[in-house]
């Protein structure tokens, strides 16, 4: 009886320790996955607006430079999008995070989605930004791009420069405005950060209308 009792005790102790180790590992994984992005406010950036004038004008800084100017995180071609019906829904089946418009369903005329193949950004040993998902909306004859991106661990270690003009969105979030970009379809953009994600809302509508749309964007996970 004593040996049986001791055996059960050892079993329960071992099981408890195994569960504890799994909980710690899972917690560390979640903590690493939810690392917040560090953003530089305009006064800290010491950059000029010409850095944002061209799509290709985003260079990786030296390792000794603490500020990283974020590239314009949008898919390169409209051909990459797939038109979907409202019945299909926007949310991806693989559970990836995606930024979408929450309050404009009655105004949306068309929705297209771009879902690229994902790679494990935690294994990237370089400064890079991965587009996780992008949604192209047609509202009142205007196109709005809502793009979700994630920096690699090396990129997240930098103080990121998202834009020259800081704004407050209708939902209370801080955003950054980028204007007069050399792009016919998306010359004006609003960028904001949620946890480890960078959300870009772009269009050719007036700035006040773009800010209103950006304030209605939420991230589904």
N, C-alpha and C. Protein backbone atom coordinates (compact mmCIF):
# COMPACT_ATOMS: atom_id res chain seq x y z
N UNK A 1 0.83 -1.21 0.00
CA UNK A 1 0.00 0.00 0.00
C UNK A 1 0.86 1.25 0.00
N UNK A 2 1.96 1.22 0.82
CA UNK A 2 2.85 2.37 0.91
C UNK A 2 3.53 2.63 -0.42
N UNK A 3 4.00 1.53 -1.10
CA UNK A 3 4.66 1.71 -2.39
C UNK A 3 3.69 2.27 -3.43
N UNK A 4 2.44 1.79 -3.36
CA UNK A 4 1.45 2.28 -4.31
C UNK A 4 1.17 3.76 -4.10
N UNK A 5 1.10 4.17 -2.82
CA UNK A 5 0.85 5.58 -2.49
C UNK A 5 1.99 6.46 -2.97
N UNK A 6 3.24 5.97 -2.71
CA UNK A 6 4.40 6.74 -3.16
C UNK A 6 4.44 6.86 -4.68
N UNK A 7 4.07 5.78 -5.36
CA UNK A 7 4.05 5.79 -6.82
C UNK A 7 3.08 6.82 -7.36
N UNK A 8 1.88 6.87 -6.75
CA UNK A 8 0.89 7.86 -7.18
C UNK A 8 1.37 9.28 -6.90
N UNK A 9 2.03 9.45 -5.74
CA UNK A 9 2.54 10.78 -5.39
C UNK A 9 3.56 11.27 -6.41
N UNK A 10 4.52 10.38 -6.76
CA UNK A 10 5.53 10.74 -7.76
C UNK A 10 4.88 11.07 -9.10
N UNK A 11 3.85 10.30 -9.45
CA UNK A 11 3.18 10.53 -10.73
C UNK A 11 2.53 11.91 -10.77
N UNK A 12 1.83 12.26 -9.66
CA UNK A 12 1.15 13.56 -9.62
C UNK A 12 2.16 14.71 -9.62
N UNK A 13 3.28 14.54 -8.90
CA UNK A 13 4.31 15.58 -8.87
C UNK A 13 4.90 15.77 -10.25
N UNK A 14 5.21 14.65 -10.92
CA UNK A 14 5.77 14.72 -12.27
C UNK A 14 4.79 15.39 -13.24
N UNK A 15 3.51 15.01 -13.15
CA UNK A 15 2.50 15.59 -14.03
C UNK A 15 2.38 17.09 -13.79
N UNK A 16 2.41 17.49 -12.51
CA UNK A 16 2.30 18.91 -12.18
C UNK A 16 3.48 19.70 -12.74
N UNK A 17 4.70 19.15 -12.59
CA UNK A 17 5.89 19.83 -13.09
C UNK A 17 5.86 19.93 -14.62
N UNK A 18 5.39 18.87 -15.28
CA UNK A 18 5.31 18.89 -16.74
C UNK A 18 4.34 19.97 -17.22
N UNK A 19 3.19 20.07 -16.55
CA UNK A 19 2.20 21.09 -16.91
C UNK A 19 2.77 22.49 -16.67
N UNK A 20 3.49 22.65 -15.54
CA UNK A 20 4.08 23.94 -15.21
C UNK A 20 5.08 24.38 -16.27
N UNK A 21 5.92 23.44 -16.73
CA UNK A 21 6.90 23.75 -17.78
C UNK A 21 6.20 24.18 -19.06
N UNK A 22 5.13 23.46 -19.44
CA UNK A 22 4.39 23.80 -20.65
C UNK A 22 3.77 25.19 -20.55
N UNK A 23 3.23 25.52 -19.38
CA UNK A 23 2.62 26.84 -19.17
C UNK A 23 3.66 27.94 -19.31
N UNK A 24 4.87 27.70 -18.74
CA UNK A 24 5.94 28.70 -18.83
C UNK A 24 6.38 28.90 -20.27
N UNK A 25 6.56 27.78 -21.01
CA UNK A 25 6.97 27.87 -22.41
C UNK A 25 5.94 28.61 -23.23
N UNK A 26 4.65 28.28 -23.02
CA UNK A 26 3.57 28.95 -23.75
C UNK A 26 3.52 30.43 -23.43
N UNK A 27 3.73 30.75 -22.15
CA UNK A 27 3.71 32.15 -21.75
C UNK A 27 4.84 32.95 -22.38
N UNK A 28 6.04 32.32 -22.45
CA UNK A 28 7.16 32.99 -23.09
C UNK A 28 6.91 33.19 -24.57
N UNK A 29 6.30 32.19 -25.20
CA UNK A 29 5.98 32.31 -26.63
C UNK A 29 5.00 33.44 -26.88
N UNK A 30 3.96 33.52 -26.03
CA UNK A 30 2.97 34.58 -26.20
C UNK A 30 3.60 35.94 -25.96
N UNK A 31 4.50 36.00 -24.96
CA UNK A 31 5.14 37.27 -24.65
C UNK A 31 5.99 37.74 -25.82
N UNK A 32 6.74 36.80 -26.43
CA UNK A 32 7.56 37.17 -27.57
C UNK A 32 6.70 37.57 -28.76
N UNK A 33 5.56 36.89 -28.95
CA UNK A 33 4.70 37.16 -30.10
C UNK A 33 4.02 38.51 -29.99
N UNK A 34 3.82 38.98 -28.75
CA UNK A 34 3.06 40.21 -28.56
C UNK A 34 3.96 41.41 -28.23
N UNK A 35 5.24 41.30 -28.59
CA UNK A 35 6.15 42.40 -28.34
C UNK A 35 5.65 43.66 -29.03
N UNK A 36 5.55 44.74 -28.28
CA UNK A 36 5.03 45.98 -28.84
C UNK A 36 6.07 46.63 -29.74
N UNK A 37 5.59 47.33 -30.74
CA UNK A 37 6.46 48.08 -31.65
C UNK A 37 6.78 49.43 -31.01
N UNK A 38 8.04 49.82 -31.05
CA UNK A 38 8.47 51.11 -30.52
C UNK A 38 8.42 52.15 -31.63
N UNK A 39 7.73 53.24 -31.38
CA UNK A 39 7.52 54.25 -32.42
C UNK A 39 8.11 55.58 -31.99
N UNK A 40 8.79 56.24 -32.90
CA UNK A 40 9.36 57.57 -32.65
C UNK A 40 8.32 58.63 -32.94
N UNK A 41 8.17 59.59 -32.03
CA UNK A 41 7.29 60.71 -32.30
C UNK A 41 8.03 61.67 -33.25
N UNK A 42 7.31 62.54 -33.96
CA UNK A 42 7.96 63.39 -34.98
C UNK A 42 9.16 64.17 -34.46
N UNK A 43 9.09 64.70 -33.23
CA UNK A 43 10.20 65.51 -32.72
C UNK A 43 11.47 64.69 -32.52
N UNK A 44 11.32 63.37 -32.38
CA UNK A 44 12.48 62.52 -32.16
C UNK A 44 13.11 62.03 -33.46
N UNK A 45 12.42 62.18 -34.55
CA UNK A 45 12.85 61.48 -35.76
C UNK A 45 14.03 62.12 -36.47
N UNK A 46 14.07 63.45 -36.53
CA UNK A 46 15.16 64.14 -37.22
C UNK A 46 15.31 63.63 -38.66
N UNK A 47 14.16 63.49 -39.32
CA UNK A 47 14.17 63.05 -40.71
C UNK A 47 13.42 64.07 -41.55
N UNK A 48 13.62 64.04 -42.84
CA UNK A 48 12.95 64.98 -43.73
C UNK A 48 11.86 64.27 -44.50
N UNK A 49 10.85 65.00 -44.90
CA UNK A 49 9.69 64.40 -45.53
C UNK A 49 10.01 63.79 -46.89
N UNK A 50 11.11 64.18 -47.50
CA UNK A 50 11.46 63.60 -48.80
C UNK A 50 11.70 62.11 -48.72
N UNK A 51 11.95 61.58 -47.52
CA UNK A 51 12.14 60.14 -47.36
C UNK A 51 10.89 59.38 -47.74
N UNK A 52 9.73 60.07 -47.72
CA UNK A 52 8.47 59.40 -47.99
C UNK A 52 7.93 59.69 -49.39
N UNK A 53 8.68 60.37 -50.23
CA UNK A 53 8.13 60.80 -51.51
C UNK A 53 8.06 59.70 -52.55
N UNK A 54 8.88 58.67 -52.44
CA UNK A 54 8.90 57.60 -53.42
C UNK A 54 8.68 56.26 -52.73
N UNK A 55 8.00 55.35 -53.41
CA UNK A 55 7.74 54.02 -52.86
C UNK A 55 9.03 53.28 -52.55
N UNK A 56 10.05 53.46 -53.38
CA UNK A 56 11.28 52.70 -53.22
C UNK A 56 12.24 53.35 -52.24
N UNK A 57 11.94 54.54 -51.77
CA UNK A 57 12.90 55.30 -50.97
C UNK A 57 12.82 54.92 -49.50
N UNK A 58 13.19 53.69 -49.16
CA UNK A 58 13.20 53.23 -47.78
C UNK A 58 14.40 52.31 -47.60
N UNK A 59 15.47 52.85 -47.05
CA UNK A 59 16.70 52.09 -46.93
C UNK A 59 16.91 51.62 -45.49
N UNK A 60 17.55 50.47 -45.35
CA UNK A 60 17.87 49.95 -44.03
C UNK A 60 19.03 50.75 -43.43
N UNK A 61 18.88 51.27 -42.22
CA UNK A 61 19.94 52.09 -41.64
C UNK A 61 21.07 51.22 -41.11
N UNK A 62 22.20 51.89 -40.77
CA UNK A 62 23.28 51.17 -40.13
C UNK A 62 22.83 50.69 -38.76
N UNK A 63 23.51 49.64 -38.28
CA UNK A 63 23.13 49.08 -36.99
C UNK A 63 23.30 50.08 -35.86
N UNK A 64 24.20 51.06 -36.06
CA UNK A 64 24.44 52.04 -35.01
C UNK A 64 23.36 53.12 -34.97
N UNK A 65 22.48 53.14 -35.96
CA UNK A 65 21.42 54.13 -36.02
C UNK A 65 20.20 53.60 -35.29
N UNK A 66 19.67 54.38 -34.35
CA UNK A 66 18.55 53.89 -33.54
C UNK A 66 17.20 54.11 -34.20
N UNK A 67 17.15 54.88 -35.28
CA UNK A 67 15.88 55.17 -35.93
C UNK A 67 15.78 54.44 -37.26
N UNK A 68 14.67 53.75 -37.47
CA UNK A 68 14.42 53.05 -38.73
C UNK A 68 13.18 53.65 -39.38
N UNK A 69 13.35 54.21 -40.56
CA UNK A 69 12.21 54.75 -41.30
C UNK A 69 11.50 53.58 -41.97
N UNK A 70 10.25 53.37 -41.62
CA UNK A 70 9.50 52.21 -42.09
C UNK A 70 9.14 52.38 -43.56
N UNK A 71 9.33 51.35 -44.38
CA UNK A 71 8.92 51.44 -45.78
C UNK A 71 7.40 51.53 -45.90
N UNK A 72 6.92 51.88 -47.07
CA UNK A 72 5.49 52.02 -47.29
C UNK A 72 4.89 50.64 -47.49
N UNK A 73 4.21 50.15 -46.46
CA UNK A 73 3.84 48.74 -46.38
C UNK A 73 2.53 48.45 -47.08
N UNK A 74 2.58 48.37 -48.40
CA UNK A 74 1.41 48.03 -49.20
C UNK A 74 1.79 47.01 -50.26
N UNK A 75 0.90 46.11 -50.63
CA UNK A 75 1.20 45.17 -51.72
C UNK A 75 1.52 45.93 -53.00
N UNK A 76 2.40 45.40 -53.83
CA UNK A 76 2.87 46.14 -55.00
C UNK A 76 1.89 46.24 -56.16
N UNK A 77 0.89 45.37 -56.24
CA UNK A 77 0.04 45.36 -57.43
C UNK A 77 -1.39 44.99 -57.07
N UNK A 78 -2.34 45.66 -57.75
CA UNK A 78 -3.75 45.34 -57.56
C UNK A 78 -4.07 43.92 -58.01
N UNK A 79 -3.24 43.37 -58.89
CA UNK A 79 -3.48 42.02 -59.41
C UNK A 79 -3.35 40.95 -58.33
N UNK A 80 -2.74 41.28 -57.21
CA UNK A 80 -2.55 40.31 -56.14
C UNK A 80 -3.81 40.13 -55.29
N UNK A 81 -4.78 41.01 -55.45
CA UNK A 81 -6.00 40.93 -54.66
C UNK A 81 -7.02 39.98 -55.30
N UNK A 82 -7.83 39.37 -54.43
CA UNK A 82 -8.92 38.50 -54.88
C UNK A 82 -10.24 39.10 -54.42
N UNK A 83 -11.15 39.36 -55.35
CA UNK A 83 -12.46 39.90 -54.99
C UNK A 83 -13.26 38.84 -54.26
N UNK A 84 -13.89 39.23 -53.15
CA UNK A 84 -14.70 38.29 -52.38
C UNK A 84 -16.10 38.84 -52.20
N UNK A 85 -17.04 37.95 -51.94
CA UNK A 85 -18.42 38.36 -51.68
C UNK A 85 -18.59 38.55 -50.18
N UNK A 86 -19.64 39.25 -49.80
CA UNK A 86 -19.91 39.45 -48.38
C UNK A 86 -20.20 38.13 -47.68
N UNK A 87 -20.78 37.19 -48.43
CA UNK A 87 -21.11 35.90 -47.84
C UNK A 87 -19.84 35.13 -47.48
N UNK A 88 -18.78 35.31 -48.28
CA UNK A 88 -17.53 34.61 -48.01
C UNK A 88 -16.87 35.11 -46.73
N UNK A 89 -16.96 36.40 -46.49
CA UNK A 89 -16.31 36.98 -45.32
C UNK A 89 -14.85 37.28 -45.56
N UNK A 90 -14.31 38.21 -44.79
CA UNK A 90 -12.94 38.67 -44.97
C UNK A 90 -11.95 37.86 -44.14
N UNK A 91 -12.36 37.40 -42.96
CA UNK A 91 -11.42 36.81 -42.01
C UNK A 91 -10.78 35.56 -42.58
N UNK A 92 -9.44 35.46 -42.57
CA UNK A 92 -8.75 34.29 -43.10
C UNK A 92 -9.01 33.05 -42.26
N UNK A 93 -8.97 31.89 -42.89
CA UNK A 93 -9.21 30.63 -42.19
C UNK A 93 -8.00 30.20 -41.37
N UNK A 94 -6.82 30.73 -41.67
CA UNK A 94 -5.62 30.28 -40.96
C UNK A 94 -5.36 31.05 -39.68
N UNK A 95 -6.25 31.98 -39.31
CA UNK A 95 -6.14 32.65 -38.03
C UNK A 95 -5.16 33.81 -37.98
N UNK A 96 -4.61 34.22 -39.11
CA UNK A 96 -3.67 35.34 -39.11
C UNK A 96 -4.41 36.63 -38.73
N UNK A 97 -3.73 37.59 -38.10
CA UNK A 97 -4.38 38.87 -37.80
C UNK A 97 -4.64 39.66 -39.07
N UNK A 98 -5.73 40.41 -39.08
CA UNK A 98 -6.07 41.20 -40.27
C UNK A 98 -6.84 42.45 -39.83
N UNK A 99 -6.42 43.59 -40.33
CA UNK A 99 -7.11 44.85 -40.04
C UNK A 99 -8.23 45.05 -41.06
N UNK A 100 -9.41 45.40 -40.56
CA UNK A 100 -10.57 45.57 -41.42
C UNK A 100 -11.36 46.80 -40.99
N UNK A 101 -12.24 47.27 -41.88
CA UNK A 101 -13.16 48.35 -41.53
C UNK A 101 -14.32 47.77 -40.73
N UNK A 102 -14.65 48.42 -39.62
CA UNK A 102 -15.69 47.88 -38.75
C UNK A 102 -17.04 48.56 -38.94
N UNK A 103 -17.06 49.81 -39.36
CA UNK A 103 -18.30 50.59 -39.33
C UNK A 103 -18.76 51.09 -40.69
N UNK A 104 -18.33 50.46 -41.77
CA UNK A 104 -18.68 50.98 -43.10
C UNK A 104 -19.30 49.94 -44.00
N UNK A 105 -19.87 48.87 -43.41
CA UNK A 105 -20.38 47.77 -44.23
C UNK A 105 -21.49 48.22 -45.18
N UNK A 106 -22.34 49.15 -44.74
CA UNK A 106 -23.45 49.58 -45.59
C UNK A 106 -22.98 50.45 -46.76
N UNK A 107 -21.75 50.98 -46.68
CA UNK A 107 -21.23 51.85 -47.74
C UNK A 107 -20.29 51.12 -48.69
N UNK A 108 -19.86 49.92 -48.33
CA UNK A 108 -18.86 49.20 -49.11
C UNK A 108 -19.47 48.67 -50.41
N UNK A 109 -18.84 49.02 -51.51
CA UNK A 109 -19.31 48.56 -52.83
C UNK A 109 -18.59 47.29 -53.28
N UNK A 110 -17.32 47.15 -52.91
CA UNK A 110 -16.54 45.98 -53.31
C UNK A 110 -15.42 45.75 -52.31
N UNK A 111 -15.10 44.47 -52.08
CA UNK A 111 -14.00 44.11 -51.17
C UNK A 111 -13.10 43.10 -51.86
N UNK A 112 -11.80 43.35 -51.81
CA UNK A 112 -10.81 42.41 -52.32
C UNK A 112 -9.77 42.17 -51.23
N UNK A 113 -9.21 40.97 -51.22
CA UNK A 113 -8.28 40.58 -50.15
C UNK A 113 -6.98 40.06 -50.74
N UNK A 114 -5.89 40.43 -50.09
CA UNK A 114 -4.56 39.92 -50.45
C UNK A 114 -4.00 39.20 -49.24
N UNK A 115 -3.78 37.89 -49.34
CA UNK A 115 -3.27 37.07 -48.24
C UNK A 115 -2.01 36.34 -48.72
N UNK A 116 -0.85 36.94 -48.53
CA UNK A 116 0.38 36.30 -48.99
C UNK A 116 0.77 35.11 -48.13
N UNK A 117 1.63 34.28 -48.66
CA UNK A 117 2.17 33.17 -47.87
C UNK A 117 3.04 33.74 -46.75
N UNK A 118 2.82 33.26 -45.54
CA UNK A 118 3.53 33.79 -44.38
C UNK A 118 4.80 32.99 -44.11
N UNK A 119 5.80 33.68 -43.59
CA UNK A 119 6.99 33.01 -43.09
C UNK A 119 7.13 33.34 -41.61
N UNK A 120 7.92 32.56 -40.90
CA UNK A 120 8.10 32.75 -39.47
C UNK A 120 9.04 33.92 -39.25
N UNK A 121 8.48 35.08 -38.92
CA UNK A 121 9.31 36.28 -38.76
C UNK A 121 10.27 36.16 -37.58
N UNK A 122 9.96 35.30 -36.61
CA UNK A 122 10.84 35.14 -35.45
C UNK A 122 12.18 34.54 -35.84
N UNK A 123 12.25 33.89 -37.01
CA UNK A 123 13.49 33.28 -37.46
C UNK A 123 14.29 34.19 -38.40
N UNK A 124 13.78 35.38 -38.66
CA UNK A 124 14.46 36.30 -39.56
C UNK A 124 15.57 37.03 -38.81
N UNK A 125 16.80 36.91 -39.30
CA UNK A 125 17.94 37.57 -38.67
C UNK A 125 18.33 38.83 -39.43
N UNK A 126 17.35 39.56 -39.88
CA UNK A 126 17.60 40.79 -40.63
C UNK A 126 16.44 41.74 -40.41
N UNK A 127 16.66 42.99 -40.77
CA UNK A 127 15.60 43.99 -40.68
C UNK A 127 14.66 43.81 -41.86
N UNK A 128 13.41 43.46 -41.57
CA UNK A 128 12.44 43.25 -42.64
C UNK A 128 11.04 43.50 -42.10
N UNK A 129 10.09 43.67 -43.02
CA UNK A 129 8.69 43.87 -42.67
C UNK A 129 7.86 42.94 -43.53
N UNK A 130 7.02 42.15 -42.88
CA UNK A 130 6.19 41.18 -43.60
C UNK A 130 4.75 41.67 -43.70
N UNK A 131 4.22 41.73 -44.91
CA UNK A 131 2.80 42.04 -45.07
C UNK A 131 2.01 40.78 -44.72
N UNK A 132 1.19 40.87 -43.69
CA UNK A 132 0.41 39.73 -43.21
C UNK A 132 -0.89 39.60 -43.99
N UNK A 133 -1.53 40.72 -44.25
CA UNK A 133 -2.81 40.73 -44.98
C UNK A 133 -3.09 42.15 -45.46
N UNK A 134 -3.91 42.25 -46.49
CA UNK A 134 -4.30 43.56 -46.99
C UNK A 134 -5.69 43.46 -47.59
N UNK A 135 -6.51 44.47 -47.31
CA UNK A 135 -7.88 44.49 -47.81
C UNK A 135 -8.07 45.76 -48.63
N UNK A 136 -8.64 45.60 -49.81
CA UNK A 136 -8.90 46.72 -50.72
C UNK A 136 -10.41 46.96 -50.78
N UNK A 137 -10.85 48.12 -50.29
CA UNK A 137 -12.27 48.47 -50.27
C UNK A 137 -12.58 49.49 -51.37
N UNK A 138 -13.77 49.39 -51.93
CA UNK A 138 -14.31 50.44 -52.79
C UNK A 138 -15.51 51.04 -52.07
N UNK A 139 -15.41 52.34 -51.73
CA UNK A 139 -16.46 53.03 -50.99
C UNK A 139 -16.74 54.36 -51.69
N UNK A 140 -17.98 54.56 -52.11
CA UNK A 140 -18.38 55.81 -52.78
C UNK A 140 -17.47 56.13 -53.97
N UNK A 141 -17.03 55.09 -54.67
CA UNK A 141 -16.19 55.30 -55.84
C UNK A 141 -14.72 55.49 -55.55
N UNK A 142 -14.33 55.47 -54.28
CA UNK A 142 -12.93 55.63 -53.90
C UNK A 142 -12.37 54.31 -53.37
N UNK A 143 -11.08 54.09 -53.62
CA UNK A 143 -10.41 52.90 -53.09
C UNK A 143 -9.71 53.22 -51.78
N UNK A 144 -9.85 52.29 -50.83
CA UNK A 144 -9.15 52.37 -49.55
C UNK A 144 -8.40 51.06 -49.34
N UNK A 145 -7.10 51.16 -49.07
CA UNK A 145 -6.31 49.98 -48.76
C UNK A 145 -6.06 49.94 -47.26
N UNK A 146 -6.35 48.80 -46.64
CA UNK A 146 -6.08 48.59 -45.21
C UNK A 146 -5.11 47.43 -45.12
N UNK A 147 -3.86 47.73 -44.79
CA UNK A 147 -2.79 46.73 -44.83
C UNK A 147 -2.27 46.43 -43.43
N UNK A 148 -2.05 45.15 -43.15
CA UNK A 148 -1.53 44.68 -41.86
C UNK A 148 -0.12 44.14 -42.06
N UNK A 149 0.84 44.68 -41.32
CA UNK A 149 2.24 44.25 -41.48
C UNK A 149 2.86 44.00 -40.11
N UNK A 150 3.94 43.21 -40.13
CA UNK A 150 4.64 42.88 -38.87
C UNK A 150 6.15 43.00 -39.10
N UNK A 151 6.84 43.72 -38.21
CA UNK A 151 8.30 43.82 -38.34
C UNK A 151 8.98 42.56 -37.84
N UNK A 152 10.15 42.26 -38.40
CA UNK A 152 10.96 41.16 -37.88
C UNK A 152 11.49 41.55 -36.50
N UNK A 153 11.97 40.59 -35.70
CA UNK A 153 12.52 40.94 -34.38
C UNK A 153 13.62 41.99 -34.46
N UNK A 154 14.50 41.91 -35.47
CA UNK A 154 15.56 42.91 -35.59
C UNK A 154 14.98 44.29 -35.88
N UNK A 155 13.96 44.35 -36.73
CA UNK A 155 13.33 45.64 -37.04
C UNK A 155 12.62 46.21 -35.82
N UNK A 156 11.99 45.33 -35.03
CA UNK A 156 11.26 45.78 -33.84
C UNK A 156 12.19 46.35 -32.78
N UNK A 157 13.48 46.04 -32.85
CA UNK A 157 14.44 46.57 -31.88
C UNK A 157 14.77 48.03 -32.15
N UNK A 158 14.45 48.50 -33.34
CA UNK A 158 14.69 49.90 -33.68
C UNK A 158 13.54 50.77 -33.19
N UNK A 159 13.83 52.06 -33.07
CA UNK A 159 12.78 53.05 -32.88
C UNK A 159 12.24 53.37 -34.26
N UNK A 160 10.99 53.03 -34.52
CA UNK A 160 10.44 53.10 -35.88
C UNK A 160 9.85 54.48 -36.18
N UNK A 161 10.19 55.00 -37.33
CA UNK A 161 9.61 56.26 -37.79
C UNK A 161 8.49 55.99 -38.77
N UNK A 162 7.26 56.30 -38.39
CA UNK A 162 6.09 55.97 -39.21
C UNK A 162 5.57 57.15 -40.02
N UNK A 163 5.94 58.36 -39.66
CA UNK A 163 5.45 59.52 -40.39
C UNK A 163 5.87 60.80 -39.69
N UNK A 164 5.63 61.93 -40.34
CA UNK A 164 6.06 63.22 -39.80
C UNK A 164 4.97 63.93 -39.01
N UNK A 165 3.71 63.55 -39.20
CA UNK A 165 2.61 64.26 -38.55
C UNK A 165 1.81 63.30 -37.68
N UNK A 166 1.82 63.55 -36.38
CA UNK A 166 1.07 62.71 -35.46
C UNK A 166 -0.37 63.22 -35.35
N UNK A 167 -1.33 62.30 -35.34
CA UNK A 167 -2.74 62.67 -35.24
C UNK A 167 -3.42 61.78 -34.21
N UNK A 168 -4.59 62.18 -33.77
CA UNK A 168 -5.42 61.38 -32.86
C UNK A 168 -6.64 60.91 -33.64
N UNK A 169 -6.80 59.58 -33.72
CA UNK A 169 -7.92 59.01 -34.47
C UNK A 169 -9.20 59.04 -33.66
N UNK A 170 -10.33 58.86 -34.33
CA UNK A 170 -11.63 58.90 -33.66
C UNK A 170 -11.78 57.83 -32.59
N UNK A 171 -11.05 56.72 -32.75
CA UNK A 171 -11.14 55.64 -31.76
C UNK A 171 -10.19 55.85 -30.59
N UNK A 172 -9.50 56.99 -30.56
CA UNK A 172 -8.60 57.31 -29.46
C UNK A 172 -7.16 56.91 -29.69
N UNK A 173 -6.89 56.15 -30.73
CA UNK A 173 -5.53 55.69 -31.00
C UNK A 173 -4.68 56.80 -31.61
N UNK A 174 -3.37 56.73 -31.38
CA UNK A 174 -2.44 57.66 -32.01
C UNK A 174 -2.09 57.15 -33.40
N UNK A 175 -2.10 58.06 -34.36
CA UNK A 175 -1.76 57.69 -35.73
C UNK A 175 -0.73 58.64 -36.30
N UNK A 176 -0.18 58.26 -37.44
CA UNK A 176 0.81 59.08 -38.12
C UNK A 176 0.36 59.29 -39.56
N UNK A 177 0.40 60.52 -40.01
CA UNK A 177 -0.05 60.87 -41.35
C UNK A 177 1.14 61.00 -42.30
N UNK A 178 1.01 60.39 -43.47
CA UNK A 178 2.00 60.53 -44.53
C UNK A 178 1.26 61.05 -45.75
N UNK A 179 1.69 62.19 -46.30
CA UNK A 179 0.94 62.82 -47.39
C UNK A 179 1.83 63.09 -48.60
N UNK A 180 1.17 63.36 -49.72
CA UNK A 180 1.85 63.75 -50.96
C UNK A 180 2.85 62.71 -51.45
N UNK A 181 2.52 61.44 -51.25
CA UNK A 181 3.36 60.37 -51.77
C UNK A 181 3.17 60.29 -53.28
N UNK A 182 4.23 59.94 -53.98
CA UNK A 182 4.16 59.85 -55.44
C UNK A 182 3.42 58.60 -55.86
N UNK A 183 2.14 58.57 -55.57
CA UNK A 183 1.29 57.43 -55.94
C UNK A 183 -0.08 57.97 -56.32
N UNK A 184 -0.55 57.63 -57.52
CA UNK A 184 -1.82 58.14 -58.00
C UNK A 184 -2.98 57.62 -57.16
N UNK A 185 -2.94 56.33 -56.80
CA UNK A 185 -4.06 55.71 -56.09
C UNK A 185 -4.04 55.95 -54.59
N UNK A 186 -2.85 56.05 -54.00
CA UNK A 186 -2.77 56.17 -52.54
C UNK A 186 -1.74 57.22 -52.12
N UNK A 187 -1.98 58.49 -52.44
CA UNK A 187 -1.01 59.53 -52.07
C UNK A 187 -1.05 59.90 -50.59
N UNK A 188 -2.15 59.58 -49.91
CA UNK A 188 -2.29 59.92 -48.49
C UNK A 188 -2.46 58.64 -47.67
N UNK A 189 -1.75 58.59 -46.55
CA UNK A 189 -1.79 57.37 -45.74
C UNK A 189 -1.79 57.71 -44.25
N UNK A 190 -2.51 56.90 -43.49
CA UNK A 190 -2.51 56.97 -42.04
C UNK A 190 -1.98 55.64 -41.52
N UNK A 191 -1.06 55.71 -40.57
CA UNK A 191 -0.46 54.51 -40.01
C UNK A 191 -0.66 54.51 -38.50
N UNK A 192 -1.02 53.36 -37.94
CA UNK A 192 -1.04 53.24 -36.48
C UNK A 192 -0.53 51.86 -36.09
N UNK A 193 -0.22 51.70 -34.81
CA UNK A 193 0.38 50.47 -34.30
C UNK A 193 -0.56 49.82 -33.30
N UNK A 194 -0.71 48.51 -33.40
CA UNK A 194 -1.43 47.75 -32.39
C UNK A 194 -0.60 46.52 -32.03
N UNK A 195 -0.09 46.50 -30.80
CA UNK A 195 0.79 45.44 -30.33
C UNK A 195 2.01 45.32 -31.25
N UNK A 196 2.16 44.16 -31.91
CA UNK A 196 3.33 43.95 -32.77
C UNK A 196 3.00 44.18 -34.24
N UNK A 197 1.88 44.83 -34.53
CA UNK A 197 1.43 45.02 -35.91
C UNK A 197 1.46 46.49 -36.31
N UNK A 198 1.76 46.75 -37.58
CA UNK A 198 1.70 48.08 -38.16
C UNK A 198 0.56 48.10 -39.16
N UNK A 199 -0.40 48.99 -38.94
CA UNK A 199 -1.60 49.07 -39.78
C UNK A 199 -1.51 50.32 -40.65
N UNK A 200 -1.66 50.14 -41.95
CA UNK A 200 -1.60 51.25 -42.91
C UNK A 200 -2.93 51.39 -43.62
N UNK A 201 -3.50 52.59 -43.61
CA UNK A 201 -4.73 52.89 -44.34
C UNK A 201 -4.38 53.93 -45.39
N UNK A 202 -4.63 53.62 -46.65
CA UNK A 202 -4.19 54.49 -47.74
C UNK A 202 -5.30 54.73 -48.74
N UNK A 203 -5.33 55.95 -49.31
CA UNK A 203 -6.34 56.29 -50.31
C UNK A 203 -5.96 57.62 -50.96
N UNK A 204 -6.77 58.04 -51.93
CA UNK A 204 -6.58 59.36 -52.53
C UNK A 204 -7.68 60.33 -52.14
N UNK A 205 -8.43 60.01 -51.08
CA UNK A 205 -9.49 60.90 -50.59
C UNK A 205 -8.86 62.02 -49.77
N UNK A 206 -9.61 63.09 -49.48
CA UNK A 206 -9.10 64.15 -48.62
C UNK A 206 -8.69 63.61 -47.25
N UNK A 207 -7.77 64.32 -46.61
CA UNK A 207 -7.19 63.84 -45.36
C UNK A 207 -8.21 63.64 -44.26
N UNK A 208 -9.19 64.55 -44.14
CA UNK A 208 -10.18 64.41 -43.07
C UNK A 208 -11.02 63.15 -43.25
N UNK A 209 -11.32 62.80 -44.50
CA UNK A 209 -12.08 61.58 -44.76
C UNK A 209 -11.23 60.34 -44.49
N UNK A 210 -9.95 60.41 -44.82
CA UNK A 210 -9.06 59.28 -44.57
C UNK A 210 -8.89 59.04 -43.07
N UNK A 211 -8.80 60.12 -42.30
CA UNK A 211 -8.70 59.99 -40.84
C UNK A 211 -9.96 59.33 -40.28
N UNK A 212 -11.12 59.70 -40.81
CA UNK A 212 -12.38 59.11 -40.34
C UNK A 212 -12.41 57.62 -40.62
N UNK A 213 -11.99 57.22 -41.82
CA UNK A 213 -11.95 55.80 -42.16
C UNK A 213 -10.96 55.07 -41.26
N UNK A 214 -9.78 55.66 -41.03
CA UNK A 214 -8.76 55.02 -40.20
C UNK A 214 -9.25 54.79 -38.78
N UNK A 215 -10.08 55.71 -38.28
CA UNK A 215 -10.62 55.55 -36.94
C UNK A 215 -11.62 54.42 -36.81
N UNK A 216 -12.09 53.88 -37.95
CA UNK A 216 -13.05 52.78 -37.94
C UNK A 216 -12.38 51.43 -38.19
N UNK A 217 -11.06 51.41 -38.24
CA UNK A 217 -10.34 50.16 -38.50
C UNK A 217 -10.08 49.41 -37.20
N UNK A 218 -10.35 48.12 -37.21
CA UNK A 218 -10.07 47.25 -36.06
C UNK A 218 -9.22 46.08 -36.54
N UNK A 219 -8.53 45.44 -35.61
CA UNK A 219 -7.70 44.28 -35.93
C UNK A 219 -8.38 43.03 -35.39
N UNK A 220 -8.68 42.10 -36.28
CA UNK A 220 -9.25 40.81 -35.90
C UNK A 220 -8.13 39.79 -35.83
N UNK A 221 -8.14 38.98 -34.78
CA UNK A 221 -7.11 37.96 -34.59
C UNK A 221 -7.74 36.59 -34.45
